[in-house]
Amino acid sequence: MSAIKTVAHRGASLYAVDNTLTSFRLAKEMGAEMIETDIRKSVDDQIVVYHDIAVPLPGGGEMLIENHTLDELRSVPLENNERIPLFEEVIQLCRELDLGIYLEYKDTSEDLTRRILDILKQAGILDNVILFGSRPDHVFYVKEVEPKARTAFSYRQKGIDPLLIAQACRADGLNLAWEDYPDPHTLIRPEWLQRVRKAGLRIMSWHEERASEIEALVSLGIDDICTNDPKLSHQIITQHKDKAAK
């Protein structure tokens, strides 16, 4: 089993404006090995990195990303005068910093999936990216376009069996989107974990900022801790490694 990794949720979003180059740089400084980020498409067909469907405007109102050009979107100041980054800018930064990426699909299309995969391949970082989403058809199509791409299925409902869905869409991993449950680690039963491991699936928790819960998840041996606080996660993982080495 590979070493547990810290995945910075939208970068170091507890400390900086999320999904910005500043947030991603800070995540690396705090010990993150990967970032998690989101993509949207502007009306002039540019791929930008942003979580919501709309950008709030100073003084009130909002700007729907899909209805505006890149220049219009970049003209809107975010908190601390940050700007929405282009997907290619984030890719270049991750190359420079040797940061892996969990890339979430919100809304996508066959054309957008192909474009994203082409960008990742041209940048030479396809093997350091995991493309994931909650729609099995989106996850499935990634493998149709590029069998070498790594994917993950994201789900919230603790009562379903995600292994069947993950296998149907040929996913390589599972994202446990259980932040709304009080103690996510208690949902990871030994027999369930054994089945997931037997299926060869990677496991990421989504997302956690409580030290006690991070410690419990790390002790279970999941692969990736997604968090708004990469500094805390990195510290706990490092302490766990040190104890194991003694």
Protein backbone atom coordinates (compact mmCIF):
# COMPACT_ATOMS: atom_id res chain seq x y z
CA MET A 1 0.00 0.00 0.00
CA SER A 2 1.36 3.41 -0.93
CA ALA A 3 1.92 6.15 1.64
CA ILE A 4 -1.14 8.13 2.72
CA LYS A 5 -1.35 11.46 0.94
CA THR A 6 -2.78 14.84 1.86
CA VAL A 7 -5.16 16.19 -0.78
CA ALA A 8 -5.75 19.93 -0.37
CA HIS A 9 -9.44 20.61 -0.99
CA ARG A 10 -9.46 23.49 -3.50
CA GLY A 11 -5.95 24.15 -2.25
CA ALA A 12 -5.23 25.39 1.26
CA SER A 13 -8.76 26.74 1.38
CA LEU A 14 -8.78 27.26 5.15
CA TYR A 15 -6.00 29.80 4.73
CA ALA A 16 -6.45 31.31 1.26
CA VAL A 17 -9.12 31.96 -1.38
CA ASP A 18 -10.08 28.53 -2.68
CA ASN A 19 -9.28 27.37 -6.20
CA THR A 20 -6.64 30.06 -6.75
CA LEU A 21 -2.98 29.77 -7.63
CA THR A 22 -2.17 31.25 -4.22
CA SER A 23 -4.17 28.53 -2.49
CA PHE A 24 -2.47 25.77 -4.47
CA ARG A 25 1.03 27.12 -3.80
CA LEU A 26 0.28 27.39 -0.09
CA ALA A 27 -1.02 23.82 -0.05
CA LYS A 28 2.32 22.60 -1.38
CA GLU A 29 4.18 24.63 1.26
CA MET A 30 2.01 23.00 3.95
CA GLY A 31 2.90 19.50 2.82
CA ALA A 32 0.11 18.51 0.44
CA GLU A 33 1.03 15.98 -2.24
CA MET A 34 -2.15 16.57 -4.24
CA ILE A 35 -4.80 19.21 -4.72
CA GLU A 36 -8.51 18.82 -5.42
CA THR A 37 -10.04 21.26 -7.85
CA ASP A 38 -13.07 21.98 -10.03
CA ILE A 39 -13.55 23.05 -13.63
CA ARG A 40 -16.12 25.13 -15.48
CA LYS A 41 -16.39 26.38 -19.06
CA SER A 42 -16.92 30.00 -20.12
CA VAL A 43 -19.17 31.12 -22.96
CA ASP A 44 -16.11 31.55 -25.21
CA ASP A 45 -15.10 27.93 -24.58
CA GLN A 46 -12.31 28.55 -22.07
CA ILE A 47 -11.79 26.11 -19.19
CA VAL A 48 -11.52 27.85 -15.84
CA VAL A 49 -11.00 26.61 -12.30
CA TYR A 50 -13.92 27.52 -10.05
CA HIS A 51 -16.31 25.62 -7.79
CA ASP A 52 -19.72 27.30 -8.14
CA ILE A 53 -21.76 27.99 -11.26
CA ALA A 54 -21.63 31.74 -10.65
CA VAL A 55 -19.14 34.33 -9.41
CA PRO A 56 -20.42 36.87 -6.85
CA LEU A 57 -20.09 40.49 -7.94
CA PRO A 58 -18.88 43.32 -5.72
CA GLY A 59 -21.89 45.15 -4.36
CA GLY A 60 -24.30 42.26 -5.02
CA GLY A 61 -25.51 40.02 -7.80
CA GLU A 62 -23.60 37.30 -9.58
CA MET A 63 -22.10 36.33 -12.93
CA LEU A 64 -22.96 32.92 -14.37
CA ILE A 65 -19.72 31.42 -15.66
CA GLU A 66 -21.29 29.74 -18.68
CA ASN A 67 -22.79 33.04 -19.87
CA HIS A 68 -19.61 35.14 -19.81
CA THR A 69 -16.26 35.31 -21.56
CA LEU A 70 -12.94 34.61 -19.93
CA ASP A 71 -12.03 38.30 -19.95
CA GLU A 72 -15.30 39.18 -18.23
CA LEU A 73 -14.78 36.50 -15.60
CA ARG A 74 -11.19 37.54 -14.97
CA SER A 75 -12.27 41.13 -14.50
CA VAL A 76 -14.21 40.23 -11.36
CA PRO A 77 -12.01 40.51 -8.24
CA LEU A 78 -12.33 37.68 -5.78
CA GLU A 79 -11.46 38.08 -2.10
CA ASN A 80 -7.95 39.48 -1.55
CA ASN A 81 -8.04 40.66 -5.17
CA GLU A 82 -7.50 37.13 -6.49
CA ARG A 83 -8.64 36.18 -9.99
CA ILE A 84 -10.16 33.02 -11.46
CA PRO A 85 -7.34 30.92 -12.94
CA LEU A 86 -7.33 29.16 -16.28
CA PHE A 87 -7.14 25.38 -16.16
CA GLU A 88 -3.86 25.49 -18.09
CA GLU A 89 -2.38 27.83 -15.47
CA VAL A 90 -3.21 25.38 -12.71
CA ILE A 91 -1.76 22.50 -14.73
CA GLN A 92 1.48 24.42 -15.27
CA LEU A 93 1.74 25.26 -11.57
CA CYS A 94 1.17 21.64 -10.57
CA ARG A 95 3.90 20.56 -12.98
CA GLU A 96 6.31 23.06 -11.44
CA LEU A 97 5.46 22.05 -7.86
CA ASP A 98 5.07 18.31 -8.53
CA LEU A 99 1.51 18.34 -7.20
CA GLY A 100 -0.93 15.60 -8.09
CA ILE A 101 -4.52 16.53 -8.92
CA TYR A 102 -7.97 15.22 -8.07
CA LEU A 103 -10.04 16.81 -10.83
CA GLU A 104 -13.79 16.94 -10.24
CA TYR A 105 -16.35 17.01 -12.99
CA LYS A 106 -19.38 19.18 -12.27
CA ASP A 107 -21.06 19.41 -15.66
CA THR A 108 -19.22 18.00 -18.62
CA SER A 109 -19.61 16.81 -22.19
CA GLU A 110 -17.81 14.40 -24.49
CA ASP A 111 -15.95 17.31 -26.07
CA LEU A 112 -14.88 18.77 -22.73
CA THR A 113 -13.70 15.39 -21.47
CA ARG A 114 -11.57 14.92 -24.57
CA ARG A 115 -10.12 18.42 -24.28
CA ILE A 116 -9.20 17.93 -20.64
CA LEU A 117 -7.52 14.62 -21.34
CA ASP A 118 -5.60 16.13 -24.28
CA ILE A 119 -4.37 18.97 -22.04
CA LEU A 120 -3.25 16.52 -19.36
CA LYS A 121 -1.45 14.31 -21.87
CA GLN A 122 0.26 17.22 -23.58
CA ALA A 123 1.42 18.49 -20.19
CA GLY A 124 2.79 15.03 -19.39
CA ILE A 125 0.92 14.69 -16.09
CA LEU A 126 -1.90 12.28 -16.94
CA ASP A 127 -0.49 9.67 -14.55
CA ASN A 128 -0.53 12.18 -11.69
CA VAL A 129 -4.22 13.06 -12.05
CA ILE A 130 -7.40 11.33 -10.85
CA LEU A 131 -10.59 12.40 -12.60
CA PHE A 132 -13.70 11.90 -10.51
CA GLY A 133 -17.38 12.67 -10.23
CA SER A 134 -20.70 11.47 -8.87
CA ARG A 135 -22.17 10.54 -12.26
CA PRO A 136 -21.10 7.05 -13.33
CA ASP A 137 -21.55 7.90 -17.02
CA HIS A 138 -19.05 10.76 -16.73
CA VAL A 139 -16.55 8.52 -14.97
CA PHE A 140 -17.11 5.73 -17.49
CA TYR A 141 -16.56 7.99 -20.49
CA VAL A 142 -13.11 9.04 -19.30
CA LYS A 143 -11.94 5.45 -19.71
CA GLU A 144 -13.60 5.24 -23.11
CA VAL A 145 -11.51 8.17 -24.30
CA GLU A 146 -8.28 7.31 -22.49
CA PRO A 147 -7.97 3.86 -20.87
CA LYS A 148 -4.77 4.91 -19.09
CA ALA A 149 -6.51 7.74 -17.21
CA ARG A 150 -7.18 7.17 -13.52
CA THR A 151 -10.73 7.74 -12.27
CA ALA A 152 -12.81 7.61 -9.11
CA PHE A 153 -16.50 7.43 -8.30
CA SER A 154 -17.75 9.88 -5.64
CA TYR A 155 -20.78 9.09 -3.51
CA ARG A 156 -22.57 10.28 -0.38
CA GLN A 157 -25.21 7.65 0.43
CA LYS A 158 -23.79 5.34 3.06
CA GLY A 159 -26.52 2.77 2.41
CA ILE A 160 -25.53 1.89 -1.17
CA ASP A 161 -22.83 -0.49 -2.35
CA PRO A 162 -20.45 1.74 -4.32
CA LEU A 163 -18.25 -1.15 -5.40
CA LEU A 164 -20.82 -2.30 -7.94
CA ILE A 165 -21.08 1.20 -9.41
CA ALA A 166 -17.31 1.74 -9.38
CA GLN A 167 -16.75 -1.52 -11.20
CA ALA A 168 -19.51 -0.81 -13.71
CA CYS A 169 -17.91 2.51 -14.68
CA ARG A 170 -14.38 1.01 -14.50
CA ALA A 171 -13.28 3.41 -11.77
CA ASP A 172 -9.92 3.04 -10.07
CA GLY A 173 -11.05 4.48 -6.76
CA LEU A 174 -13.80 5.68 -4.44
CA ASN A 175 -14.30 9.11 -2.91
CA LEU A 176 -16.18 8.87 0.37
CA ALA A 177 -18.13 12.14 0.43
CA TRP A 178 -19.21 11.68 4.01
CA GLU A 179 -18.45 15.07 5.54
CA ASP A 180 -22.11 15.42 6.55
CA TYR A 181 -21.94 12.35 8.80
CA PRO A 182 -20.70 12.92 12.38
CA ASP A 183 -18.01 10.21 12.41
CA PRO A 184 -17.14 9.08 8.86
CA HIS A 185 -14.48 6.60 9.97
CA THR A 186 -17.12 4.50 11.75
CA LEU A 187 -18.77 3.84 8.37
CA ILE A 188 -15.65 2.10 7.10
CA ARG A 189 -16.25 -1.45 8.32
CA PRO A 190 -13.40 -4.01 8.17
CA GLU A 191 -15.32 -6.32 5.83
CA TRP A 192 -16.16 -3.40 3.53
CA LEU A 193 -12.56 -2.22 3.50
CA GLN A 194 -11.40 -5.73 2.67
CA ARG A 195 -13.75 -5.88 -0.33
CA VAL A 196 -12.57 -2.50 -1.58
CA ARG A 197 -8.93 -3.53 -1.27
CA LYS A 198 -9.58 -6.83 -2.97
CA ALA A 199 -11.13 -4.89 -5.86
CA GLY A 200 -7.95 -2.80 -6.06
CA LEU A 201 -9.69 0.52 -5.48
CA ARG A 202 -8.06 3.65 -4.08
CA ILE A 203 -9.92 5.36 -1.20
CA MET A 204 -10.15 9.08 -0.51
CA SER A 205 -12.05 10.70 2.38
CA TRP A 206 -13.94 13.87 1.50
CA HIS A 207 -13.30 16.24 3.29
CA GLU A 208 -12.16 16.40 6.91
CA GLU A 209 -10.69 19.09 9.18
CA ARG A 210 -11.07 17.50 12.65
CA ALA A 211 -7.81 16.18 14.07
CA SER A 212 -9.45 13.20 15.82
CA GLU A 213 -11.25 12.14 12.65
CA ILE A 214 -8.17 12.55 10.46
CA GLU A 215 -6.22 10.42 12.93
CA ALA A 216 -8.89 7.71 12.79
CA LEU A 217 -8.96 7.71 8.98
CA VAL A 218 -5.18 7.55 8.79
CA SER A 219 -5.16 4.63 11.22
CA LEU A 220 -7.59 2.78 8.98
CA GLY A 221 -5.06 3.06 6.17
CA ILE A 222 -7.06 4.86 3.51
CA ASP A 223 -5.02 6.33 0.68
CA ASP A 224 -5.88 10.02 0.58
CA ILE A 225 -7.09 12.55 3.14
CA CYS A 226 -8.94 15.41 1.44
CA THR A 227 -9.01 18.49 3.65
CA ASN A 228 -9.29 22.28 3.79
CA ASP A 229 -6.40 22.18 6.28
CA PRO A 230 -3.45 20.46 4.57
CA LYS A 231 -1.11 21.63 7.33
CA LEU A 232 -3.00 19.66 9.98
CA SER A 233 -3.39 16.58 7.79
CA HIS A 234 0.30 16.56 6.88
CA GLN A 235 1.27 16.82 10.56
CA ILE A 236 -0.95 13.91 11.57
CA ILE A 237 0.21 11.70 8.70
CA THR A 238 3.84 12.47 9.51
CA GLN A 239 3.30 11.62 13.20
CA HIS A 240 1.63 8.35 12.17
CA LYS A 241 4.61 7.44 9.97
CA ASP A 242 7.07 8.26 12.74
CA LYS A 243 5.23 6.06 15.23
CA ALA A 244 5.06 3.20 12.75
CA ALA A 245 8.81 3.47 12.10
CA LYS A 246 9.70 3.08 15.80
